[in-house]
PDB file of N, CA and C in Angstrom:
ATOM      1  N   GLN A   1    -105.845  66.944-115.814  1.00  0.00           N
ATOM      2  CA  GLN A   1    -104.590  66.693-115.134  1.00  0.00           C
ATOM      3  C   GLN A   1    -104.212  67.924-114.319  1.00  0.00           C
ATOM      4  N   VAL A   2    -104.160  67.739-113.019  1.00  0.00           N
ATOM      5  CA  VAL A   2    -103.803  68.852-112.143  1.00  0.00           C
ATOM      6  C   VAL A   2    -102.308  69.136-112.276  1.00  0.00           C
ATOM      7  N   GLN A   3    -101.995  70.400-112.410  1.00  0.00           N
ATOM      8  CA  GLN A   3    -100.594  70.816-112.459  1.00  0.00           C
ATOM      9  C   GLN A   3    -100.361  71.933-111.461  1.00  0.00           C
ATOM     10  N   LEU A   4     -99.235  71.857-110.781  1.00  0.00           N
ATOM     11  CA  LEU A   4     -98.825  72.892-109.840  1.00  0.00           C
ATOM     12  C   LEU A   4     -97.483  73.431-110.304  1.00  0.00           C
ATOM     13  N   VAL A   5     -97.398  74.732-110.440  1.00  0.00           N
ATOM     14  CA  VAL A   5     -96.168  75.361-110.906  1.00  0.00           C
ATOM     15  C   VAL A   5     -95.694  76.357-109.859  1.00  0.00           C
ATOM     16  N   GLU A   6     -94.508  76.082-109.301  1.00  0.00           N
ATOM     17  CA  GLU A   6     -93.925  76.963-108.297  1.00  0.00           C
ATOM     18  C   GLU A   6     -92.986  77.959-108.951  1.00  0.00           C
ATOM     19  N   SER A   7     -92.831  79.093-108.299  1.00  0.00           N
ATOM     20  CA  SER A   7     -91.867  80.091-108.738  1.00  0.00           C
ATOM     21  C   SER A   7     -91.451  80.936-107.546  1.00  0.00           C
ATOM     22  N   GLY A   8     -90.353  81.687-107.729  1.00  0.00           N
ATOM     23  CA  GLY A   8     -89.930  82.622-106.699  1.00  0.00           C
ATOM     24  C   GLY A   8     -88.712  82.206-105.899  1.00  0.00           C
ATOM     25  N   GLY A   9     -88.201  81.010-106.133  1.00  0.00           N
ATOM     26  CA  GLY A   9     -87.012  80.587-105.405  1.00  0.00           C
ATOM     27  C   GLY A   9     -85.773  81.320-105.897  1.00  0.00           C
ATOM     28  N   GLY A  10     -84.669  81.097-105.189  1.00  0.00           N
ATOM     29  CA  GLY A  10     -83.426  81.728-105.602  1.00  0.00           C
ATOM     30  C   GLY A  10     -82.422  81.771-104.474  1.00  0.00           C
ATOM     31  N   LEU A  11     -81.396  82.587-104.688  1.00  0.00           N
ATOM     32  CA  LEU A  11     -80.323  82.767-103.708  1.00  0.00           C
ATOM     33  C   LEU A  11     -80.540  84.074-102.962  1.00  0.00           C
ATOM     34  N   VAL A  12     -80.468  84.013-101.645  1.00  0.00           N
ATOM     35  CA  VAL A  12     -80.677  85.212-100.826  1.00  0.00           C
ATOM     36  C   VAL A  12     -79.712  85.171 -99.647  1.00  0.00           C
ATOM     37  N   GLN A  13     -79.319  86.329 -99.179  1.00  0.00           N
ATOM     38  CA  GLN A  13     -78.430  86.401 -98.023  1.00  0.00           C
ATOM     39  C   GLN A  13     -79.213  86.177 -96.729  1.00  0.00           C
ATOM     40  N   PRO A  14     -78.529  85.709 -95.701  1.00  0.00           N
ATOM     41  CA  PRO A  14     -79.207  85.571 -94.402  1.00  0.00           C
ATOM     42  C   PRO A  14     -79.856  86.880 -93.969  1.00  0.00           C
ATOM     43  N   GLY A  15     -81.076  86.769 -93.451  1.00  0.00           N
ATOM     44  CA  GLY A  15     -81.832  87.949 -93.067  1.00  0.00           C
ATOM     45  C   GLY A  15     -82.703  88.498 -94.168  1.00  0.00           C
ATOM     46  N   GLY A  16     -82.531  87.976 -95.374  1.00  0.00           N
ATOM     47  CA  GLY A  16     -83.303  88.459 -96.510  1.00  0.00           C
ATOM     48  C   GLY A  16     -84.676  87.820 -96.610  1.00  0.00           C
ATOM     49  N   SER A  17     -85.377  88.150 -97.693  1.00  0.00           N
ATOM     50  CA  SER A  17     -86.749  87.686 -97.897  1.00  0.00           C
ATOM     51  C   SER A  17     -86.924  87.133 -99.306  1.00  0.00           C
ATOM     52  N   LEU A  18     -87.851  86.210 -99.406  1.00  0.00           N
ATOM     53  CA  LEU A  18     -88.285  85.687-100.699  1.00  0.00           C
ATOM     54  C   LEU A  18     -89.783  85.421-100.620  1.00  0.00           C
ATOM     55  N   ARG A  19     -90.431  85.467-101.775  1.00  0.00           N
ATOM     56  CA  ARG A  19     -91.843  85.115-101.845  1.00  0.00           C
ATOM     57  C   ARG A  19     -92.033  84.025-102.890  1.00  0.00           C
ATOM     58  N   LEU A  20     -92.518  82.876-102.439  1.00  0.00           N
ATOM     59  CA  LEU A  20     -92.800  81.771-103.343  1.00  0.00           C
ATOM     60  C   LEU A  20     -94.258  81.806-103.764  1.00  0.00           C
ATOM     61  N   SER A  21     -94.499  81.394-105.004  1.00  0.00           N
ATOM     62  CA  SER A  21     -95.861  81.284-105.522  1.00  0.00           C
ATOM     63  C   SER A  21     -96.065  79.884-106.087  1.00  0.00           C
ATOM     64  N   CYS A  22     -97.301  79.423-106.012  1.00  0.00           N
ATOM     65  CA  CYS A  22     -97.658  78.122-106.582  1.00  0.00           C
ATOM     66  C   CYS A  22     -99.036  78.248-107.199  1.00  0.00           C
ATOM     67  N   ALA A  23     -99.092  78.086-108.515  1.00  0.00           N
ATOM     68  CA  ALA A  23    -100.348  78.206-109.240  1.00  0.00           C
ATOM     69  C   ALA A  23    -100.840  76.822-109.653  1.00  0.00           C
ATOM     70  N   ALA A  24    -102.099  76.535-109.359  1.00  0.00           N
ATOM     71  CA  ALA A  24    -102.710  75.256-109.712  1.00  0.00           C
ATOM     72  C   ALA A  24    -103.588  75.421-110.945  1.00  0.00           C
ATOM     73  N   SER A  25    -103.544  74.427-111.818  1.00  0.00           N
ATOM     74  CA  SER A  25    -104.379  74.446-113.010  1.00  0.00           C
ATOM     75  C   SER A  25    -104.753  73.022-113.388  1.00  0.00           C
ATOM     76  N   GLY A  26    -105.665  72.913-114.360  1.00  0.00           N
ATOM     77  CA  GLY A  26    -105.960  71.586-114.883  1.00  0.00           C
ATOM     78  C   GLY A  26    -107.235  70.969-114.373  1.00  0.00           C
ATOM     79  N   GLY A  27    -108.121  71.776-113.805  1.00  0.00           N
ATOM     80  CA  GLY A  27    -109.388  71.178-113.406  1.00  0.00           C
ATOM     81  C   GLY A  27    -110.043  71.967-112.304  1.00  0.00           C
ATOM     82  N   THR A  28    -111.148  71.456-111.854  1.00  0.00           N
ATOM     83  CA  THR A  28    -111.809  72.058-110.707  1.00  0.00           C
ATOM     84  C   THR A  28    -111.418  71.238-109.485  1.00  0.00           C
ATOM     85  N   PHE A  29    -111.174  71.899-108.398  1.00  0.00           N
ATOM     86  CA  PHE A  29    -110.579  71.231-107.255  1.00  0.00           C
ATOM     87  C   PHE A  29    -111.532  71.060-106.082  1.00  0.00           C
ATOM     88  N   GLY A  30    -112.661  71.716-106.154  1.00  0.00           N
ATOM     89  CA  GLY A  30    -113.550  71.654-105.017  1.00  0.00           C
ATOM     90  C   GLY A  30    -112.884  72.318-103.834  1.00  0.00           C
ATOM     91  N   SER A  31    -113.203  71.826-102.654  1.00  0.00           N
ATOM     92  CA  SER A  31    -112.524  72.337-101.474  1.00  0.00           C
ATOM     93  C   SER A  31    -111.155  71.669-101.372  1.00  0.00           C
ATOM     94  N   TYR A  32    -110.140  72.463-101.151  1.00  0.00           N
ATOM     95  CA  TYR A  32    -108.808  71.891-101.097  1.00  0.00           C
ATOM     96  C   TYR A  32    -107.925  72.686-100.152  1.00  0.00           C
ATOM     97  N   ALA A  33    -106.999  72.000 -99.588  1.00  0.00           N
ATOM     98  CA  ALA A  33    -105.974  72.628 -98.771  1.00  0.00           C
ATOM     99  C   ALA A  33    -104.705  72.741 -99.606  1.00  0.00           C
ATOM    100  N   MET A  34    -103.888  73.699 -99.262  1.00  0.00           N
ATOM    101  CA  MET A  34    -102.601  73.843 -99.944  1.00  0.00           C
ATOM    102  C   MET A  34    -101.504  73.998 -98.912  1.00  0.00           C
ATOM    103  N   GLY A  35    -100.356  73.475 -99.246  1.00  0.00           N
ATOM    104  CA  GLY A  35     -99.255  73.536 -98.300  1.00  0.00           C
ATOM    105  C   GLY A  35     -97.920  73.664 -98.982  1.00  0.00           C
ATOM    106  N   TRP A  36     -96.958  74.120 -98.214  1.00  0.00           N
ATOM    107  CA  TRP A  36     -95.559  74.190 -98.638  1.00  0.00           C
ATOM    108  C   TRP A  36     -94.756  73.217 -97.794  1.00  0.00           C
ATOM    109  N   TYR A  37     -93.949  72.437 -98.459  1.00  0.00           N
ATOM    110  CA  TYR A  37     -93.039  71.498 -97.812  1.00  0.00           C
ATOM    111  C   TYR A  37     -91.624  71.825 -98.288  1.00  0.00           C
ATOM    112  N   ARG A  38     -90.648  71.324 -97.567  1.00  0.00           N
ATOM    113  CA  ARG A  38     -89.272  71.502 -98.017  1.00  0.00           C
ATOM    114  C   ARG A  38     -88.447  70.265 -97.713  1.00  0.00           C
ATOM    115  N   GLN A  39     -87.417  70.109 -98.515  1.00  0.00           N
ATOM    116  CA  GLN A  39     -86.515  68.974 -98.328  1.00  0.00           C
ATOM    117  C   GLN A  39     -85.089  69.447 -98.535  1.00  0.00           C
ATOM    118  N   ALA A  40     -84.312  69.354 -97.483  1.00  0.00           N
ATOM    119  CA  ALA A  40     -82.898  69.700 -97.545  1.00  0.00           C
ATOM    120  C   ALA A  40     -82.096  68.442 -97.875  1.00  0.00           C
ATOM    121  N   PRO A  41     -80.891  68.584 -98.410  1.00  0.00           N
ATOM    122  CA  PRO A  41     -80.079  67.415 -98.753  1.00  0.00           C
ATOM    123  C   PRO A  41     -79.880  66.492 -97.558  1.00  0.00           C
ATOM    124  N   GLY A  42     -80.149  65.215 -97.753  1.00  0.00           N
ATOM    125  CA  GLY A  42     -79.951  64.238 -96.700  1.00  0.00           C
ATOM    126  C   GLY A  42     -81.028  64.210 -95.637  1.00  0.00           C
ATOM    127  N   LYS A  43     -82.068  65.023 -95.831  1.00  0.00           N
ATOM    128  CA  LYS A  43     -83.145  65.069 -94.836  1.00  0.00           C
ATOM    129  C   LYS A  43     -84.477  64.683 -95.464  1.00  0.00           C
ATOM    130  N   GLU A  44     -85.444  64.360 -94.605  1.00  0.00           N
ATOM    131  CA  GLU A  44     -86.775  64.019 -95.087  1.00  0.00           C
ATOM    132  C   GLU A  44     -87.552  65.293 -95.421  1.00  0.00           C
ATOM    133  N   ARG A  45     -88.532  65.121 -96.295  1.00  0.00           N
ATOM    134  CA  ARG A  45     -89.396  66.247 -96.627  1.00  0.00           C
ATOM    135  C   ARG A  45     -90.243  66.584 -95.407  1.00  0.00           C
ATOM    136  N   GLU A  46     -90.373  67.875 -95.124  1.00  0.00           N
ATOM    137  CA  GLU A  46     -91.125  68.298 -93.948  1.00  0.00           C
ATOM    138  C   GLU A  46     -92.129  69.381 -94.305  1.00  0.00           C
ATOM    139  N   LEU A  47     -93.205  69.425 -93.541  1.00  0.00           N
ATOM    140  CA  LEU A  47     -94.204  70.470 -93.731  1.00  0.00           C
ATOM    141  C   LEU A  47     -93.662  71.789 -93.203  1.00  0.00           C
ATOM    142  N   VAL A  48     -93.817  72.825 -94.005  1.00  0.00           N
ATOM    143  CA  VAL A  48     -93.420  74.174 -93.600  1.00  0.00           C
ATOM    144  C   VAL A  48     -94.643  74.965 -93.157  1.00  0.00           C
ATOM    145  N   ALA A  49     -95.667  74.976 -93.997  1.00  0.00           N
ATOM    146  CA  ALA A  49     -96.881  75.722 -93.692  1.00  0.00           C
ATOM    147  C   ALA A  49     -98.015  75.176 -94.543  1.00  0.00           C
ATOM    148  N   ALA A  50     -99.240  75.306 -94.011  1.00  0.00           N
ATOM    149  CA  ALA A  50    -100.408  74.846 -94.746  1.00  0.00           C
ATOM    150  C   ALA A  50    -101.561  75.790 -94.497  1.00  0.00           C
ATOM    151  N   ILE A  51    -102.490  75.808 -95.450  1.00  0.00           N
ATOM    152  CA  ILE A  51    -103.672  76.648 -95.321  1.00  0.00           C
ATOM    153  C   ILE A  51    -104.868  75.875 -95.839  1.00  0.00           C
ATOM    154  N   SER A  52    -105.946  75.861 -95.041  1.00  0.00           N
ATOM    155  CA  SER A  52    -107.138  75.111 -95.409  1.00  0.00           C
ATOM    156  C   SER A  52    -107.978  75.899 -96.404  1.00  0.00           C
ATOM    157  N   SER A  53    -109.031  75.270 -96.896  1.00  0.00           N
ATOM    158  CA  SER A  53    -109.935  75.948 -97.814  1.00  0.00           C
ATOM    159  C   SER A  53    -110.597  77.140 -97.135  1.00  0.00           C
ATOM    160  N   GLY A  54    -110.721  77.087 -95.822  1.00  0.00           N
ATOM    161  CA  GLY A  54    -111.328  78.179 -95.075  1.00  0.00           C
ATOM    162  C   GLY A  54    -110.346  79.205 -94.569  1.00  0.00           C
ATOM    163  N   GLY A  55    -109.070  79.014 -94.912  1.00  0.00           N
ATOM    164  CA  GLY A  55    -108.069  80.005 -94.541  1.00  0.00           C
ATOM    165  C   GLY A  55    -107.372  79.758 -93.213  1.00  0.00           C
ATOM    166  N   ILE A  56    -107.614  78.611 -92.597  1.00  0.00           N
ATOM    167  CA  ILE A  56    -106.922  78.293 -91.345  1.00  0.00           C
ATOM    168  C   ILE A  56    -105.500  77.868 -91.677  1.00  0.00           C
ATOM    169  N   THR A  57    -104.553  78.426 -90.941  1.00  0.00           N
ATOM    170  CA  THR A  57    -103.142  78.169 -91.233  1.00  0.00           C
ATOM    171  C   THR A  57    -102.462  77.422 -90.094  1.00  0.00           C
ATOM    172  N   ASN A  58    -101.406  76.713 -90.451  1.00  0.00           N
ATOM    173  CA  ASN A  58    -100.533  76.149 -89.435  1.00  0.00           C
ATOM    174  C   ASN A  58     -99.104  76.148 -89.968  1.00  0.00           C
ATOM    175  N   TYR A  59     -98.159  76.239 -89.052  1.00  0.00           N
ATOM    176  CA  TYR A  59     -96.756  76.408 -89.406  1.00  0.00           C
ATOM    177  C   TYR A  59     -95.875  75.462 -88.601  1.00  0.00           C
ATOM    178  N   ALA A  60     -94.763  75.097 -89.195  1.00  0.00           N
ATOM    179  CA  ALA A  60     -93.729  74.405 -88.442  1.00  0.00           C
ATOM    180  C   ALA A  60     -93.164  75.381 -87.413  1.00  0.00           C
ATOM    181  N   ASP A  61     -92.776  74.855 -86.265  1.00  0.00           N
ATOM    182  CA  ASP A  61     -92.250  75.719 -85.206  1.00  0.00           C
ATOM    183  C   ASP A  61     -91.038  76.515 -85.691  1.00  0.00           C
ATOM    184  N   SER A  62     -90.261  75.923 -86.565  1.00  0.00           N
ATOM    185  CA  SER A  62     -89.018  76.549 -87.009  1.00  0.00           C
ATOM    186  C   SER A  62     -89.241  77.794 -87.862  1.00  0.00           C
ATOM    187  N   VAL A  63     -90.452  77.989 -88.382  1.00  0.00           N
ATOM    188  CA  VAL A  63     -90.704  79.138 -89.257  1.00  0.00           C
ATOM    189  C   VAL A  63     -91.748  80.095 -88.701  1.00  0.00           C
ATOM    190  N   LYS A  64     -92.338  79.766 -87.570  1.00  0.00           N
ATOM    191  CA  LYS A  64     -93.356  80.635 -86.981  1.00  0.00           C
ATOM    192  C   LYS A  64     -92.784  82.021 -86.719  1.00  0.00           C
ATOM    193  N   GLY A  65     -93.564  83.021 -87.107  1.00  0.00           N
ATOM    194  CA  GLY A  65     -93.129  84.392 -86.917  1.00  0.00           C
ATOM    195  C   GLY A  65     -92.266  84.933 -88.038  1.00  0.00           C
ATOM    196  N   ARG A  66     -91.800  84.053 -88.925  1.00  0.00           N
ATOM    197  CA  ARG A  66     -90.959  84.479 -90.044  1.00  0.00           C
ATOM    198  C   ARG A  66     -91.630  84.256 -91.397  1.00  0.00           C
ATOM    199  N   PHE A  67     -92.393  83.175 -91.520  1.00  0.00           N
ATOM    200  CA  PHE A  67     -93.045  82.830 -92.779  1.00  0.00           C
ATOM    201  C   PHE A  67     -94.549  83.062 -92.667  1.00  0.00           C
ATOM    202  N   THR A  68     -95.151  83.437 -93.787  1.00  0.00           N
ATOM    203  CA  THR A  68     -96.599  83.620 -93.846  1.00  0.00           C
ATOM    204  C   THR A  68     -97.141  82.955 -95.103  1.00  0.00           C
ATOM    205  N   ILE A  69     -98.126  82.072 -94.921  1.00  0.00           N
ATOM    206  CA  ILE A  69     -98.774  81.429 -96.060  1.00  0.00           C
ATOM    207  C   ILE A  69    -100.105  82.127 -96.319  1.00  0.00           C
ATOM    208  N   SER A  70    -100.435  82.294 -97.598  1.00  0.00           N
ATOM    209  CA  SER A  70    -101.708  82.902 -97.970  1.00  0.00           C
ATOM    210  C   SER A  70    -102.162  82.285 -99.287  1.00  0.00           C
ATOM    211  N   ARG A  71    -103.429  82.525 -99.627  1.00  0.00           N
ATOM    212  CA  ARG A  71    -103.947  81.960-100.862  1.00  0.00           C
ATOM    213  C   ARG A  71    -104.907  82.927-101.519  1.00  0.00           C
ATOM    214  N   ASP A  72    -104.973  82.835-102.849  1.00  0.00           N
ATOM    215  CA  ASP A  72    -105.917  83.592-103.663  1.00  0.00           C
ATOM    216  C   ASP A  72    -106.769  82.561-104.387  1.00  0.00           C
ATOM    217  N   ASN A  73    -107.975  82.323-103.870  1.00  0.00           N
ATOM    218  CA  ASN A  73    -108.816  81.266-104.439  1.00  0.00           C
ATOM    219  C   ASN A  73    -109.229  81.570-105.872  1.00  0.00           C
ATOM    220  N   GLY A  74    -109.383  82.839-106.194  1.00  0.00           N
ATOM    221  CA  GLY A  74    -109.759  83.194-107.555  1.00  0.00           C
ATOM    222  C   GLY A  74    -108.701  82.830-108.576  1.00  0.00           C
ATOM    223  N   LYS A  75    -107.461  82.796-108.121  1.00  0.00           N
ATOM    224  CA  LYS A  75    -106.345  82.458-109.001  1.00  0.00           C
ATOM    225  C   LYS A  75    -105.812  81.051-108.743  1.00  0.00           C
ATOM    226  N   ASN A  76    -106.437  80.316-107.812  1.00  0.00           N
ATOM    227  CA  ASN A  76    -105.940  78.984-107.437  1.00  0.00           C
ATOM    228  C   ASN A  76    -104.440  79.022-107.143  1.00  0.00           C
ATOM    229  N   THR A  77    -104.041  80.014-106.386  1.00  0.00           N
ATOM    230  CA  THR A  77    -102.625  80.241-106.121  1.00  0.00           C
ATOM    231  C   THR A  77    -102.382  80.355-104.622  1.00  0.00           C
ATOM    232  N   VAL A  78    -101.273  79.773-104.184  1.00  0.00           N
ATOM    233  CA  VAL A  78    -100.853  79.891-102.795  1.00  0.00           C
ATOM    234  C   VAL A  78     -99.483  80.547-102.757  1.00  0.00           C
ATOM    235  N   TYR A  79     -99.248  81.331-101.731  1.00  0.00           N
ATOM    236  CA  TYR A  79     -98.003  82.074-101.589  1.00  0.00           C
ATOM    237  C   TYR A  79     -97.329  81.712-100.268  1.00  0.00           C
ATOM    238  N   LEU A  80     -96.019  81.861-100.256  1.00  0.00           N
ATOM    239  CA  LEU A  80     -95.271  81.722 -99.011  1.00  0.00           C
ATOM    240  C   LEU A  80     -94.306  82.895 -98.923  1.00  0.00           C
ATOM    241  N   GLN A  81     -94.611  83.823 -98.038  1.00  0.00           N
ATOM    242  CA  GLN A  81     -93.716  84.949 -97.790  1.00  0.00           C
ATOM    243  C   GLN A  81     -92.720  84.531 -96.721  1.00  0.00           C
ATOM    244  N   MET A  82     -91.443  84.574 -97.068  1.00  0.00           N
ATOM    245  CA  MET A  82     -90.396  84.125 -96.154  1.00  0.00           C
ATOM    246  C   MET A  82     -89.505  85.307 -95.800  1.00  0.00           C
ATOM    247  N   ASN A  83     -89.503  85.665 -94.541  1.00  0.00           N
ATOM    248  CA  ASN A  83     -88.687  86.768 -94.045  1.00  0.00           C
ATOM    249  C   ASN A  83     -87.637  86.254 -93.070  1.00  0.00           C
ATOM    250  N   SER A  84     -86.648  87.073 -92.807  1.00  0.00           N
ATOM    251  CA  SER A  84     -85.586  86.721 -91.847  1.00  0.00           C
ATOM    252  C   SER A  84     -85.025  85.330 -92.137  1.00  0.00           C
ATOM    253  N   LEU A  85     -84.698  85.104 -93.382  1.00  0.00           N
ATOM    254  CA  LEU A  85     -84.242  83.787 -93.786  1.00  0.00           C
ATOM    255  C   LEU A  85     -82.906  83.434 -93.151  1.00  0.00           C
ATOM    256  N   LYS A  86     -82.765  82.143 -92.867  1.00  0.00           N
ATOM    257  CA  LYS A  86     -81.565  81.611 -92.228  1.00  0.00           C
ATOM    258  C   LYS A  86     -80.940  80.552 -93.139  1.00  0.00           C
ATOM    259  N   PRO A  87     -79.663  80.299 -92.978  1.00  0.00           N
ATOM    260  CA  PRO A  87     -79.033  79.246 -93.799  1.00  0.00           C
ATOM    261  C   PRO A  87     -79.753  77.897 -93.677  1.00  0.00           C
ATOM    262  N   GLU A  88     -80.302  77.613 -92.515  1.00  0.00           N
ATOM    263  CA  GLU A  88     -81.001  76.333 -92.330  1.00  0.00           C
ATOM    264  C   GLU A  88     -82.342  76.261 -93.057  1.00  0.00           C
ATOM    265  N   ASP A  89     -82.770  77.359 -93.660  1.00  0.00           N
ATOM    266  CA  ASP A  89     -83.971  77.350 -94.503  1.00  0.00           C
ATOM    267  C   ASP A  89     -83.651  76.861 -95.918  1.00  0.00           C
ATOM    268  N   THR A  90     -82.381  76.681 -96.214  1.00  0.00           N
ATOM    269  CA  THR A  90     -81.974  76.210 -97.538  1.00  0.00           C
ATOM    270  C   THR A  90     -82.544  74.829 -97.813  1.00  0.00           C
ATOM    271  N   ALA A  91     -83.273  74.707 -98.932  1.00  0.00           N
ATOM    272  CA  ALA A  91     -83.926  73.453 -99.283  1.00  0.00           C
ATOM    273  C   ALA A  91     -84.631  73.617-100.620  1.00  0.00           C
ATOM    274  N   VAL A  92     -85.118  72.510-101.147  1.00  0.00           N
ATOM    275  CA  VAL A  92     -86.066  72.575-102.253  1.00  0.00           C
ATOM    276  C   VAL A  92     -87.453  72.672-101.637  1.00  0.00           C
ATOM    277  N   TYR A  93     -88.202  73.673-102.063  1.00  0.00           N
ATOM    278  CA  TYR A  93     -89.542  73.899-101.537  1.00  0.00           C
ATOM    279  C   TYR A  93     -90.574  73.374-102.534  1.00  0.00           C
ATOM    280  N   TYR A  94     -91.509  72.581-102.008  1.00  0.00           N
ATOM    281  CA  TYR A  94     -92.541  71.964-102.828  1.00  0.00           C
ATOM    282  C   TYR A  94     -93.916  72.447-102.398  1.00  0.00           C
ATOM    283  N   CYS A  95     -94.766  72.635-103.371  1.00  0.00           N
ATOM    284  CA  CYS A  95     -96.159  72.983-103.138  1.00  0.00           C
ATOM    285  C   CYS A  95     -96.994  71.707-103.246  1.00  0.00           C
ATOM    286  N   LYS A  96     -98.018  71.599-102.409  1.00  0.00           N
ATOM    287  CA  LYS A  96     -98.918  70.450-102.471  1.00  0.00           C
ATOM    288  C   LYS A  96    -100.353  70.915-102.353  1.00  0.00           C
ATOM    289  N   LEU A  97    -101.201  70.374-103.229  1.00  0.00           N
ATOM    290  CA  LEU A  97    -102.640  70.599-103.173  1.00  0.00           C
ATOM    291  C   LEU A  97    -103.301  69.303-102.735  1.00  0.00           C
ATOM    292  N   THR A  98    -104.194  69.372-101.751  1.00  0.00           N
ATOM    293  CA  THR A  98    -104.904  68.194-101.251  1.00  0.00           C
ATOM    294  C   THR A  98    -106.401  68.428-101.334  1.00  0.00           C
ATOM    295  N   ARG A  99    -107.087  67.563-102.056  1.00  0.00           N
ATOM    296  CA  ARG A  99    -108.540  67.650-102.123  1.00  0.00           C
ATOM    297  C   ARG A  99    -109.132  67.225-100.786  1.00  0.00           C
ATOM    298  N   MET A 100    -110.024  68.022-100.258  1.00  0.00           N
ATOM    299  CA  MET A 100    -110.540  67.749 -98.916  1.00  0.00           C
ATOM    300  C   MET A 100    -111.440  66.527 -98.887  1.00  0.00           C
ATOM    301  N   VAL A 101    -112.207  66.277 -99.939  1.00  0.00           N
ATOM    302  CA  VAL A 101    -113.173  65.171 -99.921  1.00  0.00           C
ATOM    303  C   VAL A 101    -112.474  63.829-100.084  1.00  0.00           C
ATOM    304  N   THR A 102    -111.544  63.731-101.032  1.00  0.00           N
ATOM    305  CA  THR A 102    -110.918  62.444-101.345  1.00  0.00           C
ATOM    306  C   THR A 102    -109.573  62.246-100.665  1.00  0.00           C
ATOM    307  N   GLY A 103    -108.948  63.341-100.254  1.00  0.00           N
ATOM    308  CA  GLY A 103    -107.605  63.251 -99.687  1.00  0.00           C
ATOM    309  C   GLY A 103    -106.514  63.114-100.731  1.00  0.00           C
ATOM    310  N   GLN A 104    -106.890  63.154-102.005  1.00  0.00           N
ATOM    311  CA  GLN A 104    -105.888  63.008-103.066  1.00  0.00           C
ATOM    312  C   GLN A 104    -104.980  64.219-103.091  1.00  0.00           C
ATOM    313  N   GLY A 105    -103.690  63.969-103.232  1.00  0.00           N
ATOM    314  CA  GLY A 105    -102.715  65.048-103.207  1.00  0.00           C
ATOM    315  C   GLY A 105    -101.951  65.163-104.510  1.00  0.00           C
ATOM    316  N   TYR A 106    -101.528  66.378-104.824  1.00  0.00           N
ATOM    317  CA  TYR A 106    -100.759  66.664-106.027  1.00  0.00           C
ATOM    318  C   TYR A 106     -99.570  67.536-105.630  1.00  0.00           C
ATOM    319  N   TRP A 107     -98.417  67.232-106.236  1.00  0.00           N
ATOM    320  CA  TRP A 107     -97.188  67.950-105.905  1.00  0.00           C
ATOM    321  C   TRP A 107     -96.691  68.780-107.076  1.00  0.00           C
ATOM    322  N   GLY A 108     -96.067  69.898-106.753  1.00  0.00           N
ATOM    323  CA  GLY A 108     -95.349  70.659-107.752  1.00  0.00           C
ATOM    324  C   GLY A 108     -93.960  70.086-107.946  1.00  0.00           C
ATOM    325  N   GLN A 109     -93.204  70.709-108.843  1.00  0.00           N
ATOM    326  CA  GLN A 109     -91.884  70.170-109.193  1.00  0.00           C
ATOM    327  C   GLN A 109     -90.788  70.640-108.248  1.00  0.00           C
ATOM    328  N   GLY A 110     -91.085  71.636-107.448  1.00  0.00           N
ATOM    329  CA  GLY A 110     -90.113  72.140-106.480  1.00  0.00           C
ATOM    330  C   GLY A 110     -89.358  73.348-106.984  1.00  0.00           C
ATOM    331  N   THR A 111     -88.955  74.197-106.049  1.00  0.00           N
ATOM    332  CA  THR A 111     -88.138  75.358-106.368  1.00  0.00           C
ATOM    333  C   THR A 111     -87.047  75.492-105.311  1.00  0.00           C
ATOM    334  N   GLN A 112     -85.829  75.754-105.760  1.00  0.00           N
ATOM    335  CA  GLN A 112     -84.685  75.797-104.846  1.00  0.00           C
ATOM    336  C   GLN A 112     -84.618  77.136-104.130  1.00  0.00           C
ATOM    337  N   VAL A 113     -84.444  77.082-102.834  1.00  0.00           N
ATOM    338  CA  VAL A 113     -84.179  78.264-102.020  1.00  0.00           C
ATOM    339  C   VAL A 113     -82.832  78.058-101.339  1.00  0.00           C
ATOM    340  N   THR A 114     -81.913  78.982-101.567  1.00  0.00           N
ATOM    341  CA  THR A 114     -80.590  78.905-100.967  1.00  0.00           C
ATOM    342  C   THR A 114     -80.330  80.184-100.180  1.00  0.00           C
ATOM    343  N   VAL A 115     -80.017  80.019 -98.906  1.00  0.00           N
ATOM    344  CA  VAL A 115     -79.733  81.160 -98.039  1.00  0.00           C
ATOM    345  C   VAL A 115     -78.252  81.086 -97.672  1.00  0.00           C
ATOM    346  N   SER A 116     -77.496  82.021 -98.215  1.00  0.00           N
ATOM    347  CA  SER A 116     -76.047  81.976 -98.031  1.00  0.00           C
ATOM    348  C   SER A 116     -75.459  83.355 -98.260  1.00  0.00           C
ATOM    349  N   SER A 117     -74.385  83.637 -97.533  1.00  0.00           N
ATOM    350  CA  SER A 117     -73.678  84.892 -97.744  1.00  0.00           C
ATOM    351  C   SER A 117     -72.524  84.692 -98.717  1.00  0.00           C
TER     352      SER A 117
END
């Protein structure tokens, strides 16, 4: 059973930084992509950033230049470094692992990020 556990969320002032982590466990994953999504109240879940098994990254336009996604394959962990945070970044952030061969996806439970003064 694949499990994803996120950590690192919290309350931060505008302009501040947070680093989210997501650790995967529960099996061998083969080649897989990992991504961060977020969902604000009353809005649909959206992709924030993703990283392929080969390290290719892509970002939502709203976070380019401020957020950085990275991964440690030895630890089956993905990170999201968030800098210059804005109130509109407030949301529940979810981690997702996608197996490249089957397309099967697994979600974490989410971690709250609140940007407020």
